[in-house]
């Protein structure tokens, strides 16, 4: 009796672990290059004065 039970368990494990269809997943694509990042530290002048202040030659209010 114990030998039949052991044989039955071995057959159950063997059948449940076996793959029925060997379908392989395709390899994932390689890494893509990162998108182009604009230069965040480019030397751009700051526009602190409005057009009205520039045309009327007003000073920056923080200088007072």
C-alpha atoms as a PDB file:
ATOM      1  CA  UNK A   1       0.000   0.000   0.000  1.00  0.00           C
ATOM      2  CA  UNK A   2       2.673   2.646   0.858  1.00  0.00           C
ATOM      3  CA  UNK A   3       4.559   1.810  -2.350  1.00  0.00           C
ATOM      4  CA  UNK A   4       1.422   2.392  -4.467  1.00  0.00           C
ATOM      5  CA  UNK A   5       0.769   5.711  -2.702  1.00  0.00           C
ATOM      6  CA  UNK A   6       4.364   6.824  -3.274  1.00  0.00           C
ATOM      7  CA  UNK A   7       4.188   5.824  -6.948  1.00  0.00           C
ATOM      8  CA  UNK A   8       0.892   7.690  -7.352  1.00  0.00           C
ATOM      9  CA  UNK A   9       2.376  10.865  -5.825  1.00  0.00           C
ATOM     10  CA  UNK A  10       5.412  10.647  -8.102  1.00  0.00           C
ATOM     11  CA  UNK A  11       3.194  10.307 -11.182  1.00  0.00           C
ATOM     12  CA  UNK A  12       1.021  13.260 -10.075  1.00  0.00           C
ATOM     13  CA  UNK A  13       4.070  15.500  -9.560  1.00  0.00           C
ATOM     14  CA  UNK A  14       5.617  14.439 -12.868  1.00  0.00           C
ATOM     15  CA  UNK A  15       2.434  15.091 -14.856  1.00  0.00           C
ATOM     16  CA  UNK A  16       1.673  18.432 -13.181  1.00  0.00           C
ATOM     17  CA  UNK A  17       5.188  19.822 -13.704  1.00  0.00           C
ATOM     18  CA  UNK A  18       5.452  18.893 -17.370  1.00  0.00           C
ATOM     19  CA  UNK A  19       4.783  21.606 -19.936  1.00  0.00           C
ATOM     20  CA  UNK A  20       2.364  20.617 -22.621  1.00  0.00           C
ATOM     21  CA  UNK A  21       3.370  23.162 -25.255  1.00  0.00           C
ATOM     22  CA  UNK A  22       6.810  24.633 -25.590  1.00  0.00           C
ATOM     23  CA  UNK A  23       5.954  28.199 -26.552  1.00  0.00           C
ATOM     24  CA  UNK A  24       8.947  30.433 -26.052  1.00  0.00           C
ATOM     25  CA  UNK A  25       8.548  34.126 -25.409  1.00  0.00           C
ATOM     26  CA  UNK A  26      10.455  36.351 -27.826  1.00  0.00           C
ATOM     27  CA  UNK A  27      13.438  38.199 -26.456  1.00  0.00           C
ATOM     28  CA  UNK A  28      12.572  41.687 -25.267  1.00  0.00           C
ATOM     29  CA  UNK A  29      13.869  44.513 -27.438  1.00  0.00           C
ATOM     30  CA  UNK A  30      17.123  46.126 -26.448  1.00  0.00           C
ATOM     31  CA  UNK A  31      17.272  49.361 -24.506  1.00  0.00           C
ATOM     32  CA  UNK A  32      16.185  52.420 -26.401  1.00  0.00           C
ATOM     33  CA  UNK A  33      18.363  55.532 -26.349  1.00  0.00           C
ATOM     34  CA  UNK A  34      17.091  58.247 -24.014  1.00  0.00           C
ATOM     35  CA  UNK A  35      15.279  61.189 -25.604  1.00  0.00           C
ATOM     36  CA  UNK A  36      17.262  64.323 -26.314  1.00  0.00           C
ATOM     37  CA  UNK A  37      17.244  66.584 -23.276  1.00  0.00           C
ATOM     38  CA  UNK A  38      17.468  70.322 -23.887  1.00  0.00           C
ATOM     39  CA  UNK A  39      20.332  72.176 -22.254  1.00  0.00           C
ATOM     40  CA  UNK A  40      18.876  73.510 -19.021  1.00  0.00           C
ATOM     41  CA  UNK A  41      21.997  75.469 -18.105  1.00  0.00           C
ATOM     42  CA  UNK A  42      22.332  77.449 -21.307  1.00  0.00           C
ATOM     43  CA  UNK A  43      23.383  81.071 -20.829  1.00  0.00           C
ATOM     44  CA  UNK A  44      20.099  82.866 -21.481  1.00  0.00           C
ATOM     45  CA  UNK A  45      19.511  86.386 -20.183  1.00  0.00           C
ATOM     46  CA  UNK A  46      16.702  86.780 -17.694  1.00  0.00           C
ATOM     47  CA  UNK A  47      13.855  89.073 -18.682  1.00  0.00           C
ATOM     48  CA  UNK A  48      13.110  90.743 -15.353  1.00  0.00           C
ATOM     49  CA  UNK A  49      11.677  93.996 -16.704  1.00  0.00           C
ATOM     50  CA  UNK A  50       8.438  94.351 -18.595  1.00  0.00           C
ATOM     51  CA  UNK A  51       8.230  96.000 -22.000  1.00  0.00           C
ATOM     52  CA  UNK A  52       6.803  99.141 -20.349  1.00  0.00           C
ATOM     53  CA  UNK A  53       9.750  99.375 -17.943  1.00  0.00           C
ATOM     54  CA  UNK A  54      12.263  98.851 -20.738  1.00  0.00           C
ATOM     55  CA  UNK A  55      10.738 101.474 -23.087  1.00  0.00           C
ATOM     56  CA  UNK A  56      10.430 104.079 -20.294  1.00  0.00           C
ATOM     57  CA  UNK A  57      13.948 103.342 -18.946  1.00  0.00           C
ATOM     58  CA  UNK A  58      12.695 102.425 -15.484  1.00  0.00           C
ATOM     59  CA  UNK A  59      15.025 100.703 -13.028  1.00  0.00           C
ATOM     60  CA  UNK A  60      14.508  97.326 -11.511  1.00  0.00           C
ATOM     61  CA  UNK A  61      12.293  97.722  -8.380  1.00  0.00           C
ATOM     62  CA  UNK A  62      14.601  95.527  -6.297  1.00  0.00           C
ATOM     63  CA  UNK A  63      17.453  98.020  -6.624  1.00  0.00           C
ATOM     64  CA  UNK A  64      15.652 100.736  -4.576  1.00  0.00           C
END
